[in-house]
């Protein structure tokens, strides 16, 4: 893993945060091969899979397979799994009533 690649990834994740795709970069996973190739991933704010700082789409997955062939199998797996996910914003209401705030001490009759 080169210093240049780590700077590139840091910038990509900073841009993902700035774009609102994720809250912060604390949950980024890094996979590094013995030869220094690196692939990073995280779950975005809306439940989407982010890889190297971008949402994993078919086009991005194809580009990653082309530029990082050592990770092609993992990228295939990521793409298959994420295609079955439902984004949080696409989920319907849960049907439960909102929880009402409880006055401190109310449970004890205070």
N, C-alpha and C. Protein backbone atom coordinates (compact mmCIF):
# COMPACT_ATOMS: atom_id res chain seq x y z
N UNK A 1 0.86 -1.16 0.00
CA UNK A 1 0.00 0.00 0.00
C UNK A 1 0.90 1.22 0.00
N UNK A 2 0.72 2.04 -0.98
CA UNK A 2 1.58 3.21 -1.08
C UNK A 2 0.97 4.40 -0.35
N UNK A 3 1.81 5.30 0.01
CA UNK A 3 1.34 6.52 0.67
C UNK A 3 0.40 7.30 -0.25
N UNK A 4 0.70 7.29 -1.54
CA UNK A 4 -0.14 7.98 -2.53
C UNK A 4 -1.55 7.37 -2.57
N UNK A 5 -1.64 6.03 -2.52
CA UNK A 5 -2.94 5.36 -2.54
C UNK A 5 -3.73 5.68 -1.27
N UNK A 6 -3.06 5.72 -0.13
CA UNK A 6 -3.76 6.05 1.11
C UNK A 6 -4.25 7.50 1.09
N UNK A 7 -3.49 8.41 0.54
CA UNK A 7 -3.96 9.80 0.41
C UNK A 7 -5.16 9.87 -0.51
N UNK A 8 -5.13 9.10 -1.60
CA UNK A 8 -6.25 9.08 -2.54
C UNK A 8 -7.51 8.56 -1.86
N UNK A 9 -7.37 7.49 -1.10
CA UNK A 9 -8.52 6.93 -0.39
C UNK A 9 -9.03 7.87 0.69
N UNK A 10 -8.13 8.51 1.40
CA UNK A 10 -8.54 9.47 2.43
C UNK A 10 -9.36 10.59 1.80
N UNK A 11 -8.91 11.10 0.67
CA UNK A 11 -9.65 12.14 -0.03
C UNK A 11 -11.02 11.63 -0.49
N UNK A 12 -11.06 10.40 -1.01
CA UNK A 12 -12.33 9.82 -1.48
C UNK A 12 -13.32 9.68 -0.32
N UNK A 13 -12.85 9.23 0.84
CA UNK A 13 -13.75 9.09 1.99
C UNK A 13 -14.16 10.44 2.54
N UNK A 14 -13.26 11.42 2.53
CA UNK A 14 -13.63 12.78 2.94
C UNK A 14 -14.72 13.34 2.03
N UNK A 15 -14.60 13.07 0.74
CA UNK A 15 -15.63 13.53 -0.21
C UNK A 15 -16.96 12.82 0.03
N UNK A 16 -16.92 11.54 0.40
CA UNK A 16 -18.15 10.80 0.72
C UNK A 16 -18.84 11.41 1.94
N UNK A 17 -18.05 11.81 2.92
CA UNK A 17 -18.60 12.46 4.11
C UNK A 17 -19.20 13.81 3.73
N UNK A 18 -18.44 14.60 2.97
CA UNK A 18 -18.91 15.92 2.54
C UNK A 18 -20.18 15.84 1.71
N UNK A 19 -20.32 14.75 0.94
CA UNK A 19 -21.51 14.56 0.10
C UNK A 19 -22.71 14.03 0.90
N UNK A 20 -22.48 13.72 2.19
CA UNK A 20 -23.57 13.23 3.03
C UNK A 20 -23.83 11.74 2.90
N UNK A 21 -22.93 11.01 2.25
CA UNK A 21 -23.11 9.57 2.10
C UNK A 21 -22.88 8.82 3.40
N UNK A 22 -22.09 9.42 4.30
CA UNK A 22 -21.81 8.78 5.59
C UNK A 22 -21.53 9.87 6.62
N UNK A 23 -21.67 9.50 7.89
CA UNK A 23 -21.48 10.48 8.96
C UNK A 23 -20.01 10.83 9.18
N UNK A 24 -19.18 9.82 9.20
CA UNK A 24 -17.75 10.04 9.41
C UNK A 24 -17.00 8.84 8.85
N UNK A 25 -15.69 8.86 8.94
CA UNK A 25 -14.90 7.78 8.36
C UNK A 25 -14.45 6.73 9.34
N UNK A 26 -15.08 6.67 10.52
CA UNK A 26 -14.59 5.74 11.54
C UNK A 26 -14.92 4.29 11.25
N UNK A 27 -15.87 4.03 10.38
CA UNK A 27 -16.28 2.65 10.11
C UNK A 27 -15.80 2.12 8.77
N UNK A 28 -14.75 2.68 8.24
CA UNK A 28 -14.21 2.23 6.97
C UNK A 28 -13.33 1.00 7.21
N UNK A 29 -13.56 -0.05 6.44
CA UNK A 29 -12.76 -1.28 6.49
C UNK A 29 -11.74 -1.24 5.37
N UNK A 30 -10.52 -1.64 5.67
CA UNK A 30 -9.46 -1.68 4.65
C UNK A 30 -9.00 -3.11 4.50
N UNK A 31 -8.92 -3.55 3.25
CA UNK A 31 -8.39 -4.88 2.94
C UNK A 31 -7.12 -4.66 2.11
N UNK A 32 -6.03 -5.25 2.59
CA UNK A 32 -4.73 -5.02 1.95
C UNK A 32 -4.11 -6.38 1.62
N UNK A 33 -3.61 -6.50 0.41
CA UNK A 33 -2.93 -7.72 0.00
C UNK A 33 -1.44 -7.59 0.31
N UNK A 34 -0.72 -8.71 0.31
CA UNK A 34 0.73 -8.65 0.57
C UNK A 34 1.49 -7.74 -0.40
N UNK A 35 0.97 -7.59 -1.62
CA UNK A 35 1.67 -6.73 -2.58
C UNK A 35 1.30 -5.26 -2.44
N UNK A 36 0.42 -4.93 -1.47
CA UNK A 36 0.08 -3.53 -1.21
C UNK A 36 -1.20 -3.04 -1.85
N UNK A 37 -1.91 -3.88 -2.58
CA UNK A 37 -3.20 -3.46 -3.13
C UNK A 37 -4.18 -3.28 -1.99
N UNK A 38 -5.04 -2.26 -2.10
CA UNK A 38 -5.98 -1.98 -1.01
C UNK A 38 -7.38 -1.73 -1.58
N UNK A 39 -8.37 -2.21 -0.85
CA UNK A 39 -9.78 -1.97 -1.16
C UNK A 39 -10.44 -1.59 0.16
N UNK A 40 -11.22 -0.53 0.14
CA UNK A 40 -11.86 -0.07 1.36
C UNK A 40 -13.37 -0.04 1.17
N UNK A 41 -14.11 -0.27 2.27
CA UNK A 41 -15.57 -0.29 2.17
C UNK A 41 -16.19 0.17 3.48
N UNK A 42 -17.43 0.60 3.39
CA UNK A 42 -18.20 1.02 4.56
C UNK A 42 -19.67 1.01 4.20
N UNK A 43 -20.52 1.04 5.21
CA UNK A 43 -21.95 1.16 5.00
C UNK A 43 -22.31 2.64 5.13
N UNK A 44 -23.01 3.15 4.15
CA UNK A 44 -23.37 4.56 4.14
C UNK A 44 -24.54 4.88 5.04
N UNK A 45 -24.82 6.16 5.17
CA UNK A 45 -25.88 6.68 6.03
C UNK A 45 -27.24 6.10 5.68
N UNK A 46 -27.47 5.80 4.40
CA UNK A 46 -28.77 5.29 3.96
C UNK A 46 -28.76 3.76 3.82
N UNK A 47 -27.71 3.13 4.34
CA UNK A 47 -27.62 1.67 4.28
C UNK A 47 -27.00 1.15 2.99
N UNK A 48 -26.48 2.03 2.17
CA UNK A 48 -25.87 1.61 0.92
C UNK A 48 -24.41 1.21 1.14
N UNK A 49 -23.90 0.35 0.28
CA UNK A 49 -22.51 -0.09 0.36
C UNK A 49 -21.64 0.92 -0.38
N UNK A 50 -20.63 1.39 0.30
CA UNK A 50 -19.67 2.32 -0.29
C UNK A 50 -18.34 1.59 -0.42
N UNK A 51 -17.70 1.72 -1.57
CA UNK A 51 -16.39 1.09 -1.80
C UNK A 51 -15.44 2.15 -2.32
N UNK A 52 -14.31 2.26 -1.67
CA UNK A 52 -13.31 3.28 -2.00
C UNK A 52 -13.95 4.67 -2.10
N UNK A 53 -14.88 4.95 -1.20
CA UNK A 53 -15.47 6.27 -1.08
C UNK A 53 -16.64 6.58 -1.98
N UNK A 54 -17.07 5.60 -2.76
CA UNK A 54 -18.20 5.82 -3.67
C UNK A 54 -19.25 4.73 -3.50
N UNK A 55 -20.50 5.09 -3.78
CA UNK A 55 -21.55 4.09 -3.71
C UNK A 55 -21.29 3.01 -4.76
N UNK A 56 -21.45 1.76 -4.37
CA UNK A 56 -21.20 0.66 -5.30
C UNK A 56 -22.36 0.53 -6.27
N UNK A 57 -22.11 0.89 -7.50
CA UNK A 57 -23.06 0.71 -8.60
C UNK A 57 -22.45 -0.30 -9.56
N UNK A 58 -23.22 -0.75 -10.52
CA UNK A 58 -22.68 -1.68 -11.51
C UNK A 58 -21.48 -1.10 -12.25
N UNK A 59 -21.57 0.18 -12.58
CA UNK A 59 -20.48 0.83 -13.30
C UNK A 59 -19.23 0.96 -12.43
N UNK A 60 -19.41 1.34 -11.16
CA UNK A 60 -18.27 1.45 -10.26
C UNK A 60 -17.65 0.08 -9.99
N UNK A 61 -18.50 -0.94 -9.83
CA UNK A 61 -17.99 -2.30 -9.61
C UNK A 61 -17.14 -2.76 -10.81
N UNK A 62 -17.60 -2.47 -12.01
CA UNK A 62 -16.85 -2.86 -13.22
C UNK A 62 -15.50 -2.14 -13.26
N UNK A 63 -15.49 -0.86 -12.90
CA UNK A 63 -14.24 -0.10 -12.88
C UNK A 63 -13.29 -0.65 -11.82
N UNK A 64 -13.81 -0.99 -10.65
CA UNK A 64 -12.97 -1.56 -9.60
C UNK A 64 -12.40 -2.92 -10.02
N UNK A 65 -13.21 -3.75 -10.66
CA UNK A 65 -12.71 -5.06 -11.13
C UNK A 65 -11.59 -4.87 -12.15
N UNK A 66 -11.71 -3.83 -12.99
CA UNK A 66 -10.71 -3.56 -14.01
C UNK A 66 -9.41 -3.04 -13.39
N UNK A 67 -9.54 -2.13 -12.41
CA UNK A 67 -8.35 -1.49 -11.85
C UNK A 67 -7.77 -2.25 -10.66
N UNK A 68 -8.56 -3.11 -10.02
CA UNK A 68 -8.09 -3.87 -8.86
C UNK A 68 -8.50 -5.34 -9.02
N UNK A 69 -7.95 -6.01 -10.04
CA UNK A 69 -8.39 -7.37 -10.35
C UNK A 69 -8.19 -8.37 -9.21
N UNK A 70 -7.24 -8.11 -8.32
CA UNK A 70 -7.01 -9.03 -7.21
C UNK A 70 -8.24 -9.08 -6.29
N UNK A 71 -9.06 -8.05 -6.31
CA UNK A 71 -10.26 -8.00 -5.47
C UNK A 71 -11.55 -8.31 -6.25
N UNK A 72 -11.44 -8.80 -7.47
CA UNK A 72 -12.62 -9.02 -8.32
C UNK A 72 -13.67 -9.92 -7.66
N UNK A 73 -13.23 -11.00 -7.03
CA UNK A 73 -14.18 -11.90 -6.37
C UNK A 73 -14.92 -11.22 -5.23
N UNK A 74 -14.21 -10.43 -4.45
CA UNK A 74 -14.82 -9.70 -3.35
C UNK A 74 -15.80 -8.66 -3.87
N UNK A 75 -15.41 -7.97 -4.93
CA UNK A 75 -16.29 -6.97 -5.54
C UNK A 75 -17.55 -7.63 -6.08
N UNK A 76 -17.40 -8.80 -6.71
CA UNK A 76 -18.58 -9.55 -7.17
C UNK A 76 -19.51 -9.86 -6.00
N UNK A 77 -18.92 -10.31 -4.90
CA UNK A 77 -19.70 -10.64 -3.71
C UNK A 77 -20.40 -9.40 -3.17
N UNK A 78 -19.69 -8.30 -3.05
CA UNK A 78 -20.28 -7.04 -2.60
C UNK A 78 -21.46 -6.65 -3.48
N UNK A 79 -21.27 -6.77 -4.78
CA UNK A 79 -22.31 -6.35 -5.73
C UNK A 79 -23.56 -7.24 -5.58
N UNK A 80 -23.37 -8.53 -5.44
CA UNK A 80 -24.51 -9.45 -5.27
C UNK A 80 -25.26 -9.17 -3.98
N UNK A 81 -24.53 -8.98 -2.91
CA UNK A 81 -25.16 -8.74 -1.61
C UNK A 81 -25.90 -7.40 -1.62
N UNK A 82 -25.24 -6.36 -2.08
CA UNK A 82 -25.86 -5.04 -2.02
C UNK A 82 -27.04 -4.90 -2.97
N UNK A 83 -27.12 -5.72 -3.99
CA UNK A 83 -28.27 -5.65 -4.91
C UNK A 83 -29.55 -6.12 -4.23
N UNK A 84 -29.42 -6.86 -3.14
CA UNK A 84 -30.59 -7.36 -2.41
C UNK A 84 -30.96 -6.47 -1.22
N UNK A 85 -30.16 -5.47 -0.94
CA UNK A 85 -30.43 -4.59 0.20
C UNK A 85 -31.51 -3.59 -0.14
N UNK A 86 -32.20 -3.15 0.87
CA UNK A 86 -33.16 -2.06 0.73
C UNK A 86 -32.59 -0.87 1.49
N UNK A 87 -32.52 0.25 0.82
CA UNK A 87 -32.04 1.46 1.48
C UNK A 87 -33.00 1.84 2.60
N UNK A 88 -32.47 2.46 3.61
CA UNK A 88 -33.31 2.89 4.72
C UNK A 88 -34.40 3.85 4.24
N UNK A 89 -34.06 4.74 3.31
CA UNK A 89 -35.04 5.71 2.81
C UNK A 89 -36.13 5.06 1.96
N UNK A 90 -35.89 3.83 1.50
CA UNK A 90 -36.89 3.13 0.69
C UNK A 90 -37.78 2.22 1.54
N UNK A 91 -37.50 2.11 2.81
CA UNK A 91 -38.31 1.26 3.68
C UNK A 91 -39.56 2.03 4.11
N UNK A 92 -40.66 1.32 4.19
CA UNK A 92 -41.89 1.95 4.64
C UNK A 92 -41.87 2.18 6.13
N UNK A 93 -42.89 2.86 6.57
CA UNK A 93 -43.02 3.11 8.01
C UNK A 93 -43.18 1.78 8.73
N UNK A 94 -42.70 1.71 9.95
CA UNK A 94 -42.74 0.46 10.70
C UNK A 94 -44.12 0.16 11.26
N UNK A 95 -45.01 1.14 11.33
CA UNK A 95 -46.35 0.90 11.80
C UNK A 95 -46.52 1.05 13.30
N UNK A 96 -45.45 1.34 13.99
CA UNK A 96 -45.53 1.54 15.43
C UNK A 96 -45.81 3.01 15.73
N UNK A 97 -46.50 3.25 16.82
CA UNK A 97 -46.73 4.62 17.25
C UNK A 97 -45.45 5.19 17.82
N UNK A 98 -45.27 6.48 17.65
CA UNK A 98 -44.07 7.09 18.25
C UNK A 98 -44.10 6.93 19.77
N UNK A 99 -42.95 6.79 20.34
CA UNK A 99 -42.84 6.66 21.80
C UNK A 99 -43.00 8.05 22.41
N UNK A 100 -43.87 8.15 23.39
CA UNK A 100 -44.07 9.43 24.07
C UNK A 100 -43.00 9.60 25.14
N UNK A 101 -42.52 10.82 25.29
CA UNK A 101 -41.53 11.03 26.34
C UNK A 101 -42.14 10.76 27.71
N UNK A 102 -41.36 10.18 28.57
CA UNK A 102 -41.82 9.88 29.93
C UNK A 102 -41.19 10.90 30.87
N UNK A 103 -42.02 11.45 31.73
CA UNK A 103 -41.53 12.41 32.72
C UNK A 103 -40.65 11.66 33.71
N UNK A 104 -39.44 12.18 34.00
CA UNK A 104 -38.58 11.51 34.98
C UNK A 104 -39.32 11.27 36.28
N UNK A 105 -39.23 10.07 36.81
CA UNK A 105 -39.86 9.72 38.08
C UNK A 105 -41.30 9.27 37.95
N UNK A 106 -41.90 9.37 36.75
CA UNK A 106 -43.30 9.02 36.57
C UNK A 106 -43.56 7.55 36.91
N UNK A 107 -42.62 6.70 36.63
CA UNK A 107 -42.79 5.27 36.91
C UNK A 107 -42.89 4.99 38.40
N UNK A 108 -42.42 5.92 39.21
CA UNK A 108 -42.44 5.74 40.66
C UNK A 108 -43.52 6.59 41.32
N UNK A 109 -44.43 7.16 40.49
CA UNK A 109 -45.52 7.97 41.03
C UNK A 109 -45.08 9.31 41.57
N UNK A 110 -43.95 9.80 41.11
CA UNK A 110 -43.45 11.09 41.59
C UNK A 110 -43.95 12.23 40.74
